[in-house]
């Protein structure tokens, strides 16, 4: 039986120990690395089909959401492991490519890992409800979506999509081959047009209005 690498990204020592105990004696899984911040993961070697258990509330300027899309691009599997249940974090994490969303202390973590391993999508009922709402928002007609998105330039829309995908300003600048300050200008314009003042609020408004959809991110 092939052993699956488990990578734990968690800053709470008590929860780290709890995960270790959960996996102790389970031959199928091996914790191959542990990190306590996004920055600490930057030089990590991503093993294809490894399972990354990622906390969203990590210390430092970057959050766990920033890791999801790059890991998925390298064929890793991501299980979000967090206390956050708000709709925006759930939607953003799943859009970025997370295969599951586990609420700490709510259910069986080992079962959630098994489901990820089998290609299933472990979600609590509340999380599934958030995703259903997002899908219904996506299904707004194309004419309605065109009206909502007409104020955003193509570059602003690309920037918003990248941010929703979990990329940082600097990563967006690299992807779009523009300066960091240009990305900041795009974001300021997006905030003004959508009448918000945070990235999370901008993504939430864009999803609600149909500017962004699950298929586009």
N, C-alpha and C. Protein backbone atom coordinates (compact mmCIF):
# COMPACT_ATOMS: atom_id res chain seq x y z
N UNK A 1 0.84 -1.19 0.00
CA UNK A 1 0.00 0.00 0.00
C UNK A 1 0.88 1.25 0.00
N UNK A 2 0.64 2.13 -0.95
CA UNK A 2 1.43 3.36 -1.05
C UNK A 2 1.13 4.27 0.14
N UNK A 3 2.19 4.92 0.62
CA UNK A 3 2.03 5.85 1.74
C UNK A 3 1.80 7.25 1.18
N UNK A 4 0.82 7.95 1.74
CA UNK A 4 0.48 9.31 1.31
C UNK A 4 1.15 10.31 2.25
N UNK A 5 1.88 11.26 1.66
CA UNK A 5 2.50 12.32 2.45
C UNK A 5 1.44 13.31 2.93
N UNK A 6 1.47 13.61 4.21
CA UNK A 6 0.61 14.62 4.80
C UNK A 6 1.48 15.80 5.22
N UNK A 7 1.11 17.00 4.79
CA UNK A 7 1.82 18.20 5.18
C UNK A 7 0.89 19.04 6.03
N UNK A 8 1.33 19.39 7.21
CA UNK A 8 0.51 20.12 8.18
C UNK A 8 0.97 21.57 8.25
N UNK A 9 0.03 22.50 7.97
CA UNK A 9 0.32 23.94 8.05
C UNK A 9 -0.57 24.51 9.14
N UNK A 10 -0.02 24.64 10.34
CA UNK A 10 -0.80 24.98 11.53
C UNK A 10 0.12 25.62 12.56
N UNK A 11 -0.34 26.73 13.18
CA UNK A 11 0.52 27.43 14.14
C UNK A 11 0.17 27.15 15.59
N UNK A 12 -0.90 26.40 15.85
CA UNK A 12 -1.29 26.09 17.21
C UNK A 12 -0.65 24.76 17.63
N UNK A 13 0.33 24.79 18.55
CA UNK A 13 1.03 23.55 18.94
C UNK A 13 0.09 22.48 19.47
N UNK A 14 -0.95 22.89 20.14
CA UNK A 14 -1.89 21.91 20.69
C UNK A 14 -2.61 21.18 19.57
N UNK A 15 -2.99 21.91 18.53
CA UNK A 15 -3.70 21.25 17.43
C UNK A 15 -2.74 20.41 16.60
N UNK A 16 -1.50 20.87 16.48
CA UNK A 16 -0.49 20.07 15.80
C UNK A 16 -0.36 18.71 16.48
N UNK A 17 -0.29 18.73 17.82
CA UNK A 17 -0.19 17.48 18.57
C UNK A 17 -1.44 16.62 18.38
N UNK A 18 -2.60 17.27 18.31
CA UNK A 18 -3.85 16.53 18.12
C UNK A 18 -3.85 15.83 16.76
N UNK A 19 -3.37 16.50 15.74
CA UNK A 19 -3.32 15.89 14.41
C UNK A 19 -2.32 14.73 14.40
N UNK A 20 -1.19 14.93 15.06
CA UNK A 20 -0.21 13.84 15.15
C UNK A 20 -0.83 12.60 15.78
N UNK A 21 -1.58 12.81 16.87
CA UNK A 21 -2.22 11.69 17.55
C UNK A 21 -3.27 11.03 16.67
N UNK A 22 -4.00 11.84 15.91
CA UNK A 22 -5.03 11.31 15.01
C UNK A 22 -4.43 10.38 13.97
N UNK A 23 -3.24 10.73 13.48
CA UNK A 23 -2.62 9.95 12.41
C UNK A 23 -1.65 8.88 12.92
N UNK A 24 -1.40 8.90 14.21
CA UNK A 24 -0.45 7.93 14.78
C UNK A 24 -0.97 6.50 14.55
N UNK A 25 -0.13 5.66 13.99
CA UNK A 25 -0.50 4.27 13.78
C UNK A 25 -1.29 4.02 12.51
N UNK A 26 -1.63 5.07 11.76
CA UNK A 26 -2.34 4.89 10.49
C UNK A 26 -1.29 4.74 9.39
N UNK A 27 -1.09 3.53 8.91
CA UNK A 27 0.01 3.23 7.98
C UNK A 27 -0.14 3.95 6.65
N UNK A 28 -1.34 4.27 6.28
CA UNK A 28 -1.60 4.89 4.97
C UNK A 28 -1.01 6.30 4.89
N UNK A 29 -0.93 6.99 6.04
CA UNK A 29 -0.53 8.40 6.03
C UNK A 29 0.72 8.64 6.87
N UNK A 30 1.55 9.56 6.36
CA UNK A 30 2.78 9.93 7.08
C UNK A 30 2.92 11.45 7.04
N UNK A 31 3.05 12.06 8.21
CA UNK A 31 3.30 13.51 8.24
C UNK A 31 4.75 13.73 7.81
N UNK A 32 4.92 14.29 6.61
CA UNK A 32 6.26 14.45 6.06
C UNK A 32 6.84 15.83 6.33
N UNK A 33 5.98 16.80 6.68
CA UNK A 33 6.47 18.15 6.96
C UNK A 33 5.43 18.91 7.78
N UNK A 34 5.93 19.85 8.58
CA UNK A 34 5.06 20.72 9.37
C UNK A 34 5.55 22.16 9.23
N UNK A 35 4.61 23.08 9.03
CA UNK A 35 4.94 24.50 8.92
C UNK A 35 3.97 25.29 9.78
N UNK A 36 4.44 26.45 10.28
CA UNK A 36 3.57 27.26 11.13
C UNK A 36 3.19 28.60 10.52
N UNK A 37 3.53 28.81 9.23
CA UNK A 37 3.16 30.05 8.55
C UNK A 37 3.24 29.83 7.05
N UNK A 38 2.62 30.74 6.29
CA UNK A 38 2.70 30.67 4.84
C UNK A 38 4.14 30.87 4.38
N UNK A 39 4.81 31.83 5.00
CA UNK A 39 6.19 32.13 4.62
C UNK A 39 7.10 30.91 4.76
N UNK A 40 6.86 30.12 5.80
CA UNK A 40 7.69 28.94 6.03
C UNK A 40 7.52 27.87 4.95
N UNK A 41 6.40 27.95 4.22
CA UNK A 41 6.11 26.95 3.17
C UNK A 41 6.74 27.28 1.84
N UNK A 42 7.26 28.48 1.70
CA UNK A 42 7.65 28.98 0.37
C UNK A 42 8.64 28.06 -0.35
N UNK A 43 9.56 27.47 0.37
CA UNK A 43 10.57 26.63 -0.26
C UNK A 43 10.25 25.13 -0.15
N UNK A 44 9.04 24.83 0.24
CA UNK A 44 8.67 23.43 0.41
C UNK A 44 8.62 22.71 -0.94
N UNK A 45 9.01 21.46 -0.94
CA UNK A 45 8.87 20.62 -2.13
C UNK A 45 7.48 20.00 -2.11
N UNK A 46 6.72 20.24 -3.17
CA UNK A 46 5.35 19.75 -3.23
C UNK A 46 5.33 18.39 -3.93
N UNK A 47 4.99 17.36 -3.19
CA UNK A 47 4.90 16.01 -3.74
C UNK A 47 3.51 15.84 -4.36
N UNK A 48 3.43 15.45 -5.64
CA UNK A 48 2.12 15.24 -6.26
C UNK A 48 1.28 14.25 -5.46
N UNK A 49 0.00 14.58 -5.32
CA UNK A 49 -0.99 13.77 -4.59
C UNK A 49 -0.79 13.79 -3.08
N UNK A 50 0.16 14.57 -2.59
CA UNK A 50 0.25 14.76 -1.14
C UNK A 50 -0.99 15.51 -0.66
N UNK A 51 -1.31 15.36 0.60
CA UNK A 51 -2.48 16.02 1.18
C UNK A 51 -1.99 17.08 2.16
N UNK A 52 -2.37 18.32 1.91
CA UNK A 52 -1.97 19.44 2.76
C UNK A 52 -3.14 19.83 3.65
N UNK A 53 -2.92 19.81 4.96
CA UNK A 53 -3.92 20.24 5.92
C UNK A 53 -3.58 21.68 6.30
N UNK A 54 -4.40 22.62 5.87
CA UNK A 54 -4.05 24.04 5.98
C UNK A 54 -5.02 24.79 6.87
N UNK A 55 -4.48 25.41 7.90
CA UNK A 55 -5.26 26.33 8.73
C UNK A 55 -5.33 27.68 8.01
N UNK A 56 -6.48 28.34 8.06
CA UNK A 56 -6.60 29.64 7.39
C UNK A 56 -6.12 30.78 8.27
N UNK A 57 -6.19 30.63 9.58
CA UNK A 57 -5.83 31.73 10.48
C UNK A 57 -4.39 31.71 10.91
N UNK A 58 -3.49 31.75 9.95
CA UNK A 58 -2.05 31.69 10.25
C UNK A 58 -1.50 33.06 10.58
N UNK A 59 -0.40 33.13 11.32
CA UNK A 59 0.19 34.43 11.66
C UNK A 59 0.91 35.03 10.46
N UNK A 60 1.14 36.34 10.53
CA UNK A 60 1.88 37.00 9.45
C UNK A 60 0.95 37.65 8.44
N UNK A 61 1.53 38.35 7.46
CA UNK A 61 0.71 39.09 6.49
C UNK A 61 -0.03 38.19 5.51
N UNK A 62 0.43 36.97 5.30
CA UNK A 62 -0.20 36.06 4.36
C UNK A 62 -1.02 35.02 5.10
N UNK A 63 -2.15 34.66 4.55
CA UNK A 63 -3.04 33.70 5.17
C UNK A 63 -3.02 32.38 4.42
N UNK A 64 -3.61 31.36 5.03
CA UNK A 64 -3.61 30.04 4.42
C UNK A 64 -4.22 30.00 3.04
N UNK A 65 -5.17 30.89 2.77
CA UNK A 65 -5.80 30.94 1.45
C UNK A 65 -4.77 31.14 0.34
N UNK A 66 -3.70 31.85 0.66
CA UNK A 66 -2.68 32.16 -0.35
C UNK A 66 -2.00 30.88 -0.86
N UNK A 67 -2.00 29.82 -0.08
CA UNK A 67 -1.29 28.60 -0.45
C UNK A 67 -2.08 27.70 -1.39
N UNK A 68 -3.40 27.79 -1.37
CA UNK A 68 -4.22 26.77 -2.00
C UNK A 68 -3.98 26.64 -3.49
N UNK A 69 -4.15 27.73 -4.22
CA UNK A 69 -4.03 27.66 -5.69
C UNK A 69 -2.66 27.18 -6.14
N UNK A 70 -1.54 27.71 -5.59
CA UNK A 70 -0.23 27.20 -6.01
C UNK A 70 -0.04 25.70 -5.72
N UNK A 71 -0.57 25.23 -4.61
CA UNK A 71 -0.43 23.81 -4.28
C UNK A 71 -1.23 22.94 -5.25
N UNK A 72 -2.46 23.36 -5.53
CA UNK A 72 -3.30 22.61 -6.47
C UNK A 72 -2.65 22.58 -7.85
N UNK A 73 -2.01 23.69 -8.23
CA UNK A 73 -1.32 23.74 -9.53
C UNK A 73 -0.19 22.71 -9.61
N UNK A 74 0.34 22.30 -8.44
CA UNK A 74 1.39 21.28 -8.39
C UNK A 74 0.83 19.90 -8.05
N UNK A 75 -0.48 19.73 -8.26
CA UNK A 75 -1.14 18.42 -8.08
C UNK A 75 -1.16 17.93 -6.64
N UNK A 76 -1.08 18.87 -5.70
CA UNK A 76 -1.32 18.50 -4.30
C UNK A 76 -2.81 18.59 -4.03
N UNK A 77 -3.23 17.95 -2.95
CA UNK A 77 -4.63 18.01 -2.54
C UNK A 77 -4.71 18.80 -1.24
N UNK A 78 -5.72 19.64 -1.12
CA UNK A 78 -5.79 20.55 0.02
C UNK A 78 -7.07 20.32 0.81
N UNK A 79 -6.90 20.12 2.11
CA UNK A 79 -8.03 20.09 3.05
C UNK A 79 -7.88 21.28 3.97
N UNK A 80 -8.79 22.24 3.85
CA UNK A 80 -8.80 23.38 4.76
C UNK A 80 -9.22 22.87 6.13
N UNK A 81 -8.53 23.33 7.16
CA UNK A 81 -8.74 22.84 8.52
C UNK A 81 -8.76 24.09 9.42
N UNK A 82 -9.96 24.55 9.80
CA UNK A 82 -10.06 25.88 10.37
C UNK A 82 -11.25 26.00 11.31
N UNK A 83 -11.31 27.13 12.02
CA UNK A 83 -12.49 27.43 12.84
C UNK A 83 -13.43 28.38 12.11
N UNK A 84 -12.99 28.92 10.97
CA UNK A 84 -13.79 29.90 10.25
C UNK A 84 -14.90 29.23 9.45
N UNK A 85 -16.12 29.72 9.61
CA UNK A 85 -17.26 29.16 8.89
C UNK A 85 -17.95 30.19 8.00
N UNK A 86 -17.39 31.41 7.91
CA UNK A 86 -18.10 32.44 7.15
C UNK A 86 -18.08 32.13 5.67
N UNK A 87 -19.13 32.56 5.00
CA UNK A 87 -19.37 32.22 3.60
C UNK A 87 -18.22 32.63 2.69
N UNK A 88 -17.66 33.81 2.91
CA UNK A 88 -16.65 34.31 1.99
C UNK A 88 -15.39 33.46 2.02
N UNK A 89 -14.94 33.08 3.21
CA UNK A 89 -13.75 32.23 3.29
C UNK A 89 -14.00 30.87 2.65
N UNK A 90 -15.18 30.32 2.90
CA UNK A 90 -15.51 29.02 2.32
C UNK A 90 -15.47 29.09 0.80
N UNK A 91 -16.16 30.06 0.24
CA UNK A 91 -16.24 30.19 -1.22
C UNK A 91 -14.86 30.42 -1.82
N UNK A 92 -14.11 31.33 -1.21
CA UNK A 92 -12.78 31.66 -1.74
C UNK A 92 -11.87 30.44 -1.70
N UNK A 93 -11.91 29.68 -0.61
CA UNK A 93 -11.06 28.49 -0.49
C UNK A 93 -11.42 27.44 -1.53
N UNK A 94 -12.70 27.20 -1.73
CA UNK A 94 -13.11 26.18 -2.68
C UNK A 94 -12.85 26.63 -4.11
N UNK A 95 -13.04 27.91 -4.39
CA UNK A 95 -12.73 28.42 -5.71
C UNK A 95 -11.24 28.31 -6.02
N UNK A 96 -10.42 28.47 -5.00
CA UNK A 96 -8.98 28.37 -5.20
C UNK A 96 -8.53 26.94 -5.46
N UNK A 97 -9.40 25.98 -5.17
CA UNK A 97 -9.09 24.59 -5.49
C UNK A 97 -9.05 23.63 -4.33
N UNK A 98 -9.39 24.09 -3.11
CA UNK A 98 -9.42 23.18 -1.96
C UNK A 98 -10.39 22.03 -2.23
N UNK A 99 -10.00 20.83 -1.88
CA UNK A 99 -10.86 19.67 -2.10
C UNK A 99 -11.80 19.40 -0.94
N UNK A 100 -11.59 20.07 0.18
CA UNK A 100 -12.46 19.86 1.32
C UNK A 100 -12.32 20.98 2.33
N UNK A 101 -13.31 21.11 3.21
CA UNK A 101 -13.32 22.19 4.21
C UNK A 101 -13.78 21.59 5.52
N UNK A 102 -12.83 21.43 6.44
CA UNK A 102 -13.09 20.79 7.74
C UNK A 102 -13.10 21.83 8.85
N UNK A 103 -14.18 21.88 9.61
CA UNK A 103 -14.27 22.77 10.76
C UNK A 103 -13.69 22.05 11.97
N UNK A 104 -12.67 22.65 12.58
CA UNK A 104 -12.00 22.02 13.71
C UNK A 104 -12.99 21.66 14.82
N UNK A 105 -12.91 20.44 15.26
CA UNK A 105 -13.77 19.98 16.34
C UNK A 105 -15.17 19.58 15.91
N UNK A 106 -15.46 19.69 14.61
CA UNK A 106 -16.80 19.37 14.11
C UNK A 106 -16.69 18.17 13.18
N UNK A 107 -16.76 16.98 13.75
CA UNK A 107 -16.65 15.78 12.93
C UNK A 107 -15.31 15.10 13.11
N UNK A 108 -15.03 14.21 12.19
CA UNK A 108 -13.88 13.32 12.29
C UNK A 108 -12.82 13.73 11.27
N UNK A 109 -11.69 14.24 11.74
CA UNK A 109 -10.64 14.69 10.83
C UNK A 109 -10.09 13.53 10.00
N UNK A 110 -9.86 12.39 10.61
CA UNK A 110 -9.32 11.25 9.87
C UNK A 110 -10.29 10.84 8.75
N UNK A 111 -11.57 10.88 9.03
CA UNK A 111 -12.58 10.56 8.00
C UNK A 111 -12.49 11.55 6.84
N UNK A 112 -12.31 12.84 7.18
CA UNK A 112 -12.18 13.86 6.13
C UNK A 112 -10.95 13.60 5.27
N UNK A 113 -9.84 13.20 5.90
CA UNK A 113 -8.62 12.89 5.14
C UNK A 113 -8.85 11.68 4.24
N UNK A 114 -9.52 10.66 4.77
CA UNK A 114 -9.84 9.47 3.97
C UNK A 114 -10.66 9.88 2.73
N UNK A 115 -11.63 10.77 2.93
CA UNK A 115 -12.48 11.18 1.81
C UNK A 115 -11.68 11.94 0.75
N UNK A 116 -10.79 12.82 1.20
CA UNK A 116 -9.91 13.50 0.24
C UNK A 116 -9.10 12.47 -0.54
N UNK A 117 -8.57 11.48 0.17
CA UNK A 117 -7.74 10.44 -0.43
C UNK A 117 -8.52 9.66 -1.49
N UNK A 118 -9.83 9.48 -1.27
CA UNK A 118 -10.67 8.73 -2.21
C UNK A 118 -11.25 9.61 -3.31
N UNK A 119 -10.88 10.87 -3.33
CA UNK A 119 -11.39 11.76 -4.37
C UNK A 119 -12.74 12.37 -4.05
N UNK A 120 -13.17 12.24 -2.80
CA UNK A 120 -14.44 12.82 -2.38
C UNK A 120 -14.20 14.23 -1.84
N UNK A 121 -15.30 14.92 -1.50
CA UNK A 121 -15.22 16.30 -1.05
C UNK A 121 -15.87 16.41 0.33
N UNK A 122 -15.08 16.32 1.40
CA UNK A 122 -15.66 16.42 2.74
C UNK A 122 -16.09 17.84 3.07
N UNK A 123 -17.37 18.00 3.37
CA UNK A 123 -17.93 19.31 3.71
C UNK A 123 -18.96 19.13 4.81
N UNK A 124 -18.97 20.05 5.78
CA UNK A 124 -20.04 20.03 6.76
C UNK A 124 -21.30 20.57 6.10
N UNK A 125 -22.50 20.28 6.65
CA UNK A 125 -23.74 20.80 6.05
C UNK A 125 -23.75 22.31 5.89
N UNK A 126 -23.22 23.03 6.88
CA UNK A 126 -23.21 24.49 6.79
C UNK A 126 -22.34 24.96 5.63
N UNK A 127 -21.19 24.31 5.44
CA UNK A 127 -20.29 24.66 4.35
C UNK A 127 -20.95 24.37 3.01
N UNK A 128 -21.62 23.23 2.92
CA UNK A 128 -22.31 22.88 1.68
C UNK A 128 -23.39 23.92 1.34
N UNK A 129 -24.05 24.44 2.36
CA UNK A 129 -25.07 25.47 2.13
C UNK A 129 -24.46 26.73 1.55
N UNK A 130 -23.29 27.13 2.06
CA UNK A 130 -22.60 28.31 1.51
C UNK A 130 -22.30 28.12 0.03
N UNK A 131 -21.83 26.92 -0.34
CA UNK A 131 -21.48 26.68 -1.74
C UNK A 131 -22.72 26.66 -2.63
N UNK A 132 -23.80 26.13 -2.12
CA UNK A 132 -25.04 26.11 -2.89
C UNK A 132 -25.51 27.53 -3.20
N UNK A 133 -25.42 28.41 -2.22
CA UNK A 133 -25.79 29.81 -2.43
C UNK A 133 -24.91 30.45 -3.49
N UNK A 134 -23.62 30.14 -3.48
CA UNK A 134 -22.70 30.71 -4.46
C UNK A 134 -23.03 30.22 -5.86
N UNK A 135 -23.37 28.93 -5.99
CA UNK A 135 -23.72 28.37 -7.29
C UNK A 135 -24.98 29.02 -7.83
N UNK A 136 -25.95 29.25 -6.95
CA UNK A 136 -27.18 29.91 -7.39
C UNK A 136 -26.90 31.32 -7.87
N UNK A 137 -25.97 32.00 -7.20
CA UNK A 137 -25.59 33.34 -7.63
C UNK A 137 -24.92 33.29 -9.00
N UNK A 138 -24.11 32.27 -9.22
CA UNK A 138 -23.42 32.11 -10.50
C UNK A 138 -24.39 31.96 -11.65
N UNK A 139 -25.55 31.36 -11.37
CA UNK A 139 -26.51 31.05 -12.42
C UNK A 139 -27.34 32.24 -12.86
N UNK A 140 -27.00 33.46 -12.44
CA UNK A 140 -27.67 34.64 -12.97
C UNK A 140 -27.44 34.70 -14.47
N UNK A 141 -28.41 35.17 -15.22
CA UNK A 141 -28.34 35.19 -16.68
C UNK A 141 -27.18 36.03 -17.20
N UNK A 142 -26.66 35.72 -18.41
CA UNK A 142 -25.52 36.44 -18.97
C UNK A 142 -25.79 37.91 -19.18
N UNK A 143 -27.02 38.27 -19.51
CA UNK A 143 -27.32 39.69 -19.71
C UNK A 143 -27.19 40.45 -18.40
N UNK A 144 -27.68 39.83 -17.31
CA UNK A 144 -27.58 40.45 -16.00
C UNK A 144 -26.13 40.57 -15.57
N UNK A 145 -25.33 39.53 -15.84
CA UNK A 145 -23.93 39.57 -15.47
C UNK A 145 -23.18 40.65 -16.24
N UNK A 146 -23.53 40.85 -17.51
CA UNK A 146 -22.87 41.86 -18.31
C UNK A 146 -23.15 43.26 -17.76
N UNK A 147 -24.38 43.47 -17.30
CA UNK A 147 -24.73 44.76 -16.72
C UNK A 147 -23.91 45.02 -15.47
N UNK A 148 -23.81 43.98 -14.61
CA UNK A 148 -23.09 44.14 -13.35
C UNK A 148 -21.60 44.39 -13.57
N UNK A 149 -21.02 43.77 -14.59
CA UNK A 149 -19.57 43.83 -14.76
C UNK A 149 -19.11 44.93 -15.69
N UNK A 150 -20.04 45.70 -16.26
CA UNK A 150 -19.68 46.66 -17.30
C UNK A 150 -18.77 47.77 -16.79
N UNK A 151 -18.78 48.04 -15.47
CA UNK A 151 -17.95 49.11 -14.93
C UNK A 151 -16.50 48.71 -14.71
N UNK A 152 -16.22 47.41 -14.70
CA UNK A 152 -14.86 46.94 -14.47
C UNK A 152 -14.15 46.75 -15.81
N UNK A 153 -12.93 47.25 -15.90
CA UNK A 153 -12.15 47.05 -17.12
C UNK A 153 -11.70 45.60 -17.18
N UNK A 154 -11.30 45.10 -18.36
CA UNK A 154 -10.80 43.73 -18.45
C UNK A 154 -9.65 43.45 -17.49
N UNK A 155 -8.72 44.40 -17.35
CA UNK A 155 -7.59 44.20 -16.45
C UNK A 155 -8.04 44.17 -14.99
N UNK A 156 -9.01 45.02 -14.64
CA UNK A 156 -9.54 45.01 -13.27
C UNK A 156 -10.23 43.69 -12.97
N UNK A 157 -10.96 43.17 -13.96
CA UNK A 157 -11.64 41.89 -13.77
C UNK A 157 -10.62 40.76 -13.60
N UNK A 158 -9.54 40.77 -14.40
CA UNK A 158 -8.49 39.77 -14.25
C UNK A 158 -7.84 39.86 -12.87
N UNK A 159 -7.63 41.09 -12.41
CA UNK A 159 -7.03 41.29 -11.09
C UNK A 159 -7.94 40.74 -10.00
N UNK A 160 -9.22 41.03 -10.09
CA UNK A 160 -10.17 40.55 -9.10
C UNK A 160 -10.24 39.02 -9.11
N UNK A 161 -10.22 38.42 -10.29
CA UNK A 161 -10.23 36.96 -10.39
C UNK A 161 -9.00 36.36 -9.72
N UNK A 162 -7.85 36.97 -9.94
CA UNK A 162 -6.62 36.45 -9.35
C UNK A 162 -6.64 36.57 -7.83
N UNK A 163 -7.15 37.69 -7.32
CA UNK A 163 -7.25 37.87 -5.88
C UNK A 163 -8.21 36.85 -5.27
N UNK A 164 -9.30 36.60 -5.96
CA UNK A 164 -10.27 35.61 -5.49
C UNK A 164 -9.66 34.20 -5.50
N UNK A 165 -8.68 34.01 -6.39
CA UNK A 165 -8.00 32.72 -6.49
C UNK A 165 -6.98 32.54 -5.38
N UNK A 166 -6.74 33.60 -4.59
CA UNK A 166 -5.83 33.49 -3.46
C UNK A 166 -4.45 34.07 -3.69
N UNK A 167 -4.21 34.69 -4.85
CA UNK A 167 -2.89 35.26 -5.12
C UNK A 167 -2.70 36.59 -4.40
N UNK A 168 -1.48 36.85 -4.00
CA UNK A 168 -1.13 38.12 -3.37
C UNK A 168 -0.95 39.19 -4.43
N UNK A 169 -0.87 40.47 -4.01
CA UNK A 169 -0.65 41.56 -4.96
C UNK A 169 0.62 41.30 -5.78
N UNK A 170 1.68 40.89 -5.10
CA UNK A 170 2.96 40.70 -5.80
C UNK A 170 2.87 39.55 -6.81
N UNK A 171 2.14 38.51 -6.44
CA UNK A 171 1.97 37.39 -7.37
C UNK A 171 1.12 37.78 -8.57
N UNK A 172 0.10 38.62 -8.32
CA UNK A 172 -0.73 39.13 -9.43
C UNK A 172 0.12 39.96 -10.37
N UNK A 173 0.98 40.80 -9.82
CA UNK A 173 1.86 41.63 -10.64
C UNK A 173 2.75 40.77 -11.53
N UNK A 174 3.29 39.70 -10.97
CA UNK A 174 4.15 38.81 -11.74
C UNK A 174 3.37 38.10 -12.84
N UNK A 175 2.19 37.60 -12.50
CA UNK A 175 1.36 36.88 -13.47
C UNK A 175 0.94 37.77 -14.62
N UNK A 176 0.60 39.02 -14.33
CA UNK A 176 0.09 39.93 -15.35
C UNK A 176 1.17 40.82 -15.95
N UNK A 177 2.40 40.65 -15.46
CA UNK A 177 3.55 41.40 -15.98
C UNK A 177 3.34 42.91 -15.86
N UNK A 178 2.91 43.32 -14.70
CA UNK A 178 2.76 44.73 -14.39
C UNK A 178 3.46 44.99 -13.06
N UNK A 179 3.57 46.25 -12.68
CA UNK A 179 4.22 46.57 -11.42
C UNK A 179 3.29 46.33 -10.24
N UNK A 180 3.89 46.20 -9.08
CA UNK A 180 3.13 46.04 -7.84
C UNK A 180 2.19 47.23 -7.63
N UNK A 181 2.67 48.43 -7.93
CA UNK A 181 1.86 49.64 -7.75
C UNK A 181 0.68 49.68 -8.72
N UNK A 182 0.87 49.13 -9.93
CA UNK A 182 -0.24 49.07 -10.88
C UNK A 182 -1.35 48.18 -10.36
N UNK A 183 -0.97 47.05 -9.76
CA UNK A 183 -1.99 46.17 -9.16
C UNK A 183 -2.74 46.93 -8.07
N UNK A 184 -2.01 47.69 -7.25
CA UNK A 184 -2.65 48.49 -6.21
C UNK A 184 -3.64 49.48 -6.79
N UNK A 185 -3.28 50.10 -7.92
CA UNK A 185 -4.19 51.05 -8.58
C UNK A 185 -5.44 50.34 -9.07
N UNK A 186 -5.26 49.15 -9.65
CA UNK A 186 -6.43 48.38 -10.11
C UNK A 186 -7.35 48.06 -8.94
N UNK A 187 -6.74 47.66 -7.82
CA UNK A 187 -7.54 47.28 -6.66
C UNK A 187 -8.31 48.49 -6.11
N UNK A 188 -7.65 49.64 -6.05
CA UNK A 188 -8.33 50.85 -5.59
C UNK A 188 -9.53 51.17 -6.48
N UNK A 189 -9.33 51.01 -7.79
CA UNK A 189 -10.43 51.28 -8.72
C UNK A 189 -11.57 50.29 -8.53
N UNK A 190 -11.22 49.02 -8.32
CA UNK A 190 -12.24 47.98 -8.07
C UNK A 190 -13.04 48.32 -6.82
N UNK A 191 -12.33 48.69 -5.75
CA UNK A 191 -13.00 49.03 -4.50
C UNK A 191 -13.97 50.18 -4.71
N UNK A 192 -13.52 51.19 -5.45
CA UNK A 192 -14.36 52.37 -5.68
C UNK A 192 -15.61 52.01 -6.49
N UNK A 193 -15.43 51.20 -7.52
CA UNK A 193 -16.57 50.85 -8.38
C UNK A 193 -17.56 49.93 -7.67
N UNK A 194 -17.04 49.04 -6.82
CA UNK A 194 -17.93 48.12 -6.11
C UNK A 194 -18.38 48.67 -4.76
N UNK A 195 -17.84 49.84 -4.40
CA UNK A 195 -18.20 50.52 -3.15
C UNK A 195 -17.90 49.65 -1.93
N UNK A 196 -16.65 49.16 -1.89
CA UNK A 196 -16.17 48.35 -0.77
C UNK A 196 -14.80 48.86 -0.38
N UNK A 197 -14.25 48.32 0.72
CA UNK A 197 -12.91 48.75 1.12
C UNK A 197 -12.01 47.60 1.56
N UNK A 198 -12.39 46.36 1.24
CA UNK A 198 -11.54 45.22 1.53
C UNK A 198 -11.62 44.22 0.38
N UNK A 199 -10.58 43.38 0.27
CA UNK A 199 -10.56 42.36 -0.78
C UNK A 199 -11.71 41.37 -0.60
N UNK A 200 -11.93 40.96 0.65
CA UNK A 200 -13.00 39.99 0.91
C UNK A 200 -14.35 40.55 0.50
N UNK A 201 -14.60 41.80 0.83
CA UNK A 201 -15.88 42.42 0.48
C UNK A 201 -16.02 42.54 -1.03
N UNK A 202 -14.93 42.87 -1.73
CA UNK A 202 -14.98 42.99 -3.18
C UNK A 202 -15.34 41.66 -3.83
N UNK A 203 -14.72 40.59 -3.35
CA UNK A 203 -15.02 39.27 -3.92
C UNK A 203 -16.46 38.86 -3.62
N UNK A 204 -16.90 39.16 -2.41
CA UNK A 204 -18.27 38.81 -2.03
C UNK A 204 -19.29 39.54 -2.89
N UNK A 205 -19.08 40.85 -3.09
CA UNK A 205 -20.00 41.63 -3.93
C UNK A 205 -19.96 41.12 -5.37
N UNK A 206 -18.75 40.81 -5.87
CA UNK A 206 -18.61 40.34 -7.24
C UNK A 206 -19.31 39.00 -7.45
N UNK A 207 -19.22 38.11 -6.47
CA UNK A 207 -19.93 36.83 -6.56
C UNK A 207 -21.44 37.04 -6.53
N UNK A 208 -21.89 37.90 -5.62
CA UNK A 208 -23.32 38.14 -5.50
C UNK A 208 -23.91 38.76 -6.76
N UNK A 209 -23.16 39.66 -7.38
CA UNK A 209 -23.65 40.33 -8.59
C UNK A 209 -23.44 39.52 -9.85
N UNK A 210 -22.65 38.44 -9.74
CA UNK A 210 -22.40 37.64 -10.93
C UNK A 210 -21.21 38.09 -11.74
N UNK A 211 -20.42 39.03 -11.22
CA UNK A 211 -19.21 39.48 -11.91
C UNK A 211 -18.20 38.34 -11.97
N UNK A 212 -18.12 37.57 -10.88
CA UNK A 212 -17.28 36.39 -10.82
C UNK A 212 -18.17 35.17 -10.67
N UNK A 213 -17.69 34.04 -11.19
CA UNK A 213 -18.41 32.79 -10.98
C UNK A 213 -17.43 31.72 -10.57
N UNK A 214 -17.94 30.61 -10.06
CA UNK A 214 -17.10 29.49 -9.66
C UNK A 214 -16.31 28.94 -10.84
N UNK A 215 -16.88 29.00 -12.04
CA UNK A 215 -16.21 28.45 -13.21
C UNK A 215 -15.07 29.29 -13.70
N UNK A 216 -15.09 30.59 -13.39
CA UNK A 216 -14.10 31.51 -13.92
C UNK A 216 -12.87 31.63 -13.04
N UNK A 217 -12.97 31.17 -11.80
CA UNK A 217 -11.87 31.39 -10.85
C UNK A 217 -11.10 30.08 -10.64
